[in-house]
Amino acid sequence: MRSLPGDEGDGEAGLLVCARCGTRAEGSPPTWTCSVENGARQYFCDTCARENLRAIEGRLDSAWW
């Protein structure tokens, strides 16, 4: 789960940024969720993923959360 060029991260290798709350994480946290929306990868921290589990399982874009 590393940020790739053009992803929502800030461009630093190995740094993930939650697309919802802005929390940063080093490496590959196993509890984070990756979503592909409109061809772009977005990562969500464990807290945001838990709070929006129904929307994620219903495959709603994060804009609807």
N, C-alpha and C. Protein backbone atom coordinates (compact mmCIF):
# COMPACT_ATOMS: atom_id res chain seq x y z
N MET A 1 0.83 -1.19 0.00
CA MET A 1 0.00 0.00 0.00
C MET A 1 0.87 1.25 0.00
N ARG A 2 1.70 1.40 -0.95
CA ARG A 2 2.52 2.59 -1.04
C ARG A 2 1.92 3.56 -2.03
N SER A 3 2.11 4.85 -1.80
CA SER A 3 1.60 5.84 -2.73
C SER A 3 2.39 5.76 -4.03
N LEU A 4 1.72 5.84 -5.12
CA LEU A 4 2.34 5.82 -6.43
C LEU A 4 2.28 7.22 -7.02
N PRO A 5 3.12 7.52 -8.02
CA PRO A 5 3.05 8.84 -8.64
C PRO A 5 1.63 9.13 -9.13
N GLY A 6 1.11 10.29 -8.80
CA GLY A 6 -0.24 10.66 -9.20
C GLY A 6 -1.31 10.27 -8.20
N ASP A 7 -0.93 9.55 -7.12
CA ASP A 7 -1.89 9.17 -6.10
C ASP A 7 -2.14 10.35 -5.17
N GLU A 8 -3.03 10.13 -4.19
CA GLU A 8 -3.42 11.19 -3.27
C GLU A 8 -2.34 11.56 -2.26
N GLY A 9 -1.27 10.78 -2.15
CA GLY A 9 -0.22 11.08 -1.19
C GLY A 9 0.49 12.37 -1.54
N ASP A 10 1.44 12.77 -0.68
CA ASP A 10 2.14 14.02 -0.94
C ASP A 10 3.44 13.83 -1.71
N GLY A 11 3.63 12.62 -2.28
CA GLY A 11 4.77 12.38 -3.14
C GLY A 11 5.97 11.76 -2.44
N GLU A 12 6.00 11.69 -1.14
CA GLU A 12 7.12 11.08 -0.43
C GLU A 12 6.97 9.57 -0.49
N ALA A 13 8.05 8.88 -0.82
CA ALA A 13 8.01 7.42 -0.93
C ALA A 13 7.71 6.80 0.42
N GLY A 14 6.77 5.86 0.44
CA GLY A 14 6.46 5.14 1.67
C GLY A 14 5.55 5.87 2.62
N LEU A 15 5.08 7.06 2.27
CA LEU A 15 4.20 7.83 3.15
C LEU A 15 2.79 7.80 2.59
N LEU A 16 1.84 7.36 3.41
CA LEU A 16 0.43 7.37 3.02
C LEU A 16 -0.29 8.47 3.77
N VAL A 17 -1.26 9.08 3.10
CA VAL A 17 -2.08 10.13 3.72
C VAL A 17 -3.54 9.75 3.54
N CYS A 18 -4.29 9.75 4.63
CA CYS A 18 -5.72 9.44 4.56
C CYS A 18 -6.42 10.50 3.72
N ALA A 19 -7.20 10.05 2.72
CA ALA A 19 -7.90 10.97 1.83
C ALA A 19 -9.03 11.70 2.53
N ARG A 20 -9.46 11.21 3.68
CA ARG A 20 -10.59 11.82 4.38
C ARG A 20 -10.15 12.79 5.48
N CYS A 21 -9.24 12.33 6.37
CA CYS A 21 -8.88 13.17 7.53
C CYS A 21 -7.46 13.72 7.49
N GLY A 22 -6.62 13.21 6.57
CA GLY A 22 -5.26 13.72 6.46
C GLY A 22 -4.24 13.06 7.37
N THR A 23 -4.63 12.01 8.10
CA THR A 23 -3.69 11.29 8.96
C THR A 23 -2.58 10.72 8.09
N ARG A 24 -1.34 10.78 8.58
CA ARG A 24 -0.20 10.26 7.83
C ARG A 24 0.31 8.97 8.48
N ALA A 25 0.84 8.07 7.64
CA ALA A 25 1.40 6.82 8.15
C ALA A 25 2.62 6.44 7.33
N GLU A 26 3.63 5.93 8.00
CA GLU A 26 4.82 5.41 7.34
C GLU A 26 4.61 3.95 7.00
N GLY A 27 5.12 3.53 5.87
CA GLY A 27 5.06 2.12 5.51
C GLY A 27 3.69 1.70 5.03
N SER A 28 3.34 0.45 5.34
CA SER A 28 2.09 -0.14 4.87
C SER A 28 1.23 -0.60 6.04
N PRO A 29 0.44 0.28 6.64
CA PRO A 29 -0.41 -0.13 7.76
C PRO A 29 -1.44 -1.16 7.29
N PRO A 30 -1.49 -2.34 7.90
CA PRO A 30 -2.42 -3.38 7.45
C PRO A 30 -3.88 -3.05 7.71
N THR A 31 -4.17 -2.06 8.53
CA THR A 31 -5.55 -1.73 8.86
C THR A 31 -6.13 -0.63 7.97
N TRP A 32 -5.33 -0.06 7.09
CA TRP A 32 -5.82 0.98 6.20
C TRP A 32 -6.55 0.35 5.02
N THR A 33 -7.46 1.12 4.41
CA THR A 33 -8.25 0.66 3.27
C THR A 33 -7.83 1.44 2.02
N CYS A 34 -7.72 0.71 0.92
CA CYS A 34 -7.40 1.33 -0.36
C CYS A 34 -8.64 1.28 -1.24
N SER A 35 -8.97 2.40 -1.86
CA SER A 35 -10.13 2.48 -2.74
C SER A 35 -9.69 3.11 -4.06
N VAL A 36 -10.19 2.57 -5.17
CA VAL A 36 -9.91 3.17 -6.47
C VAL A 36 -11.18 3.88 -6.93
N GLU A 37 -11.10 5.19 -7.02
CA GLU A 37 -12.24 6.01 -7.42
C GLU A 37 -11.85 6.86 -8.60
N ASN A 38 -12.58 6.72 -9.69
CA ASN A 38 -12.29 7.46 -10.93
C ASN A 38 -10.86 7.25 -11.39
N GLY A 39 -10.36 6.03 -11.22
CA GLY A 39 -9.02 5.66 -11.68
C GLY A 39 -7.89 6.08 -10.76
N ALA A 40 -8.17 6.70 -9.64
CA ALA A 40 -7.12 7.14 -8.71
C ALA A 40 -7.24 6.37 -7.39
N ARG A 41 -6.11 5.94 -6.85
CA ARG A 41 -6.11 5.26 -5.56
C ARG A 41 -6.26 6.26 -4.44
N GLN A 42 -7.10 5.92 -3.47
CA GLN A 42 -7.26 6.73 -2.28
C GLN A 42 -7.12 5.80 -1.09
N TYR A 43 -6.43 6.26 -0.07
CA TYR A 43 -6.21 5.47 1.13
C TYR A 43 -6.96 6.10 2.29
N PHE A 44 -7.54 5.24 3.14
CA PHE A 44 -8.30 5.70 4.30
C PHE A 44 -7.76 5.02 5.55
N CYS A 45 -7.53 5.81 6.61
CA CYS A 45 -7.02 5.27 7.86
C CYS A 45 -8.06 4.34 8.49
N ASP A 46 -7.63 3.58 9.48
CA ASP A 46 -8.54 2.61 10.11
C ASP A 46 -9.74 3.29 10.75
N THR A 47 -9.56 4.47 11.32
CA THR A 47 -10.67 5.18 11.96
C THR A 47 -11.72 5.59 10.93
N CYS A 48 -11.30 6.22 9.84
CA CYS A 48 -12.25 6.65 8.80
C CYS A 48 -12.90 5.44 8.14
N ALA A 49 -12.15 4.38 7.92
CA ALA A 49 -12.72 3.17 7.31
C ALA A 49 -13.80 2.56 8.21
N ARG A 50 -13.53 2.50 9.52
CA ARG A 50 -14.53 1.95 10.45
C ARG A 50 -15.79 2.80 10.49
N GLU A 51 -15.62 4.12 10.51
CA GLU A 51 -16.77 5.02 10.61
C GLU A 51 -17.65 4.97 9.36
N ASN A 52 -17.09 4.54 8.23
CA ASN A 52 -17.82 4.56 6.97
C ASN A 52 -17.90 3.17 6.33
N LEU A 53 -17.89 2.14 7.15
CA LEU A 53 -17.87 0.76 6.67
C LEU A 53 -19.04 0.44 5.74
N ARG A 54 -20.25 0.84 6.10
CA ARG A 54 -21.42 0.55 5.25
C ARG A 54 -21.29 1.18 3.88
N ALA A 55 -20.82 2.41 3.82
CA ALA A 55 -20.66 3.08 2.53
C ALA A 55 -19.58 2.40 1.69
N ILE A 56 -18.51 1.96 2.35
CA ILE A 56 -17.44 1.27 1.63
C ILE A 56 -17.95 -0.06 1.08
N GLU A 57 -18.65 -0.83 1.90
CA GLU A 57 -19.18 -2.11 1.44
C GLU A 57 -20.24 -1.92 0.37
N GLY A 58 -20.96 -0.82 0.39
CA GLY A 58 -21.96 -0.52 -0.62
C GLY A 58 -21.34 0.08 -1.88
N ARG A 59 -20.02 0.20 -1.88
CA ARG A 59 -19.25 0.71 -3.02
C ARG A 59 -19.63 2.15 -3.40
N LEU A 60 -20.01 2.93 -2.41
CA LEU A 60 -20.28 4.35 -2.66
C LEU A 60 -18.95 5.11 -2.73
N ASP A 61 -18.83 6.06 -3.63
CA ASP A 61 -17.64 6.90 -3.67
C ASP A 61 -17.54 7.68 -2.36
N SER A 62 -16.33 8.01 -1.96
CA SER A 62 -16.12 8.70 -0.69
C SER A 62 -16.80 10.07 -0.66
N ALA A 63 -17.11 10.65 -1.81
CA ALA A 63 -17.81 11.93 -1.84
C ALA A 63 -19.20 11.82 -1.21
N TRP A 64 -19.80 10.62 -1.19
CA TRP A 64 -21.14 10.40 -0.64
C TRP A 64 -21.13 10.12 0.86
N TRP A 65 -19.94 9.91 1.45
CA TRP A 65 -19.87 9.62 2.88
C TRP A 65 -20.18 10.87 3.64
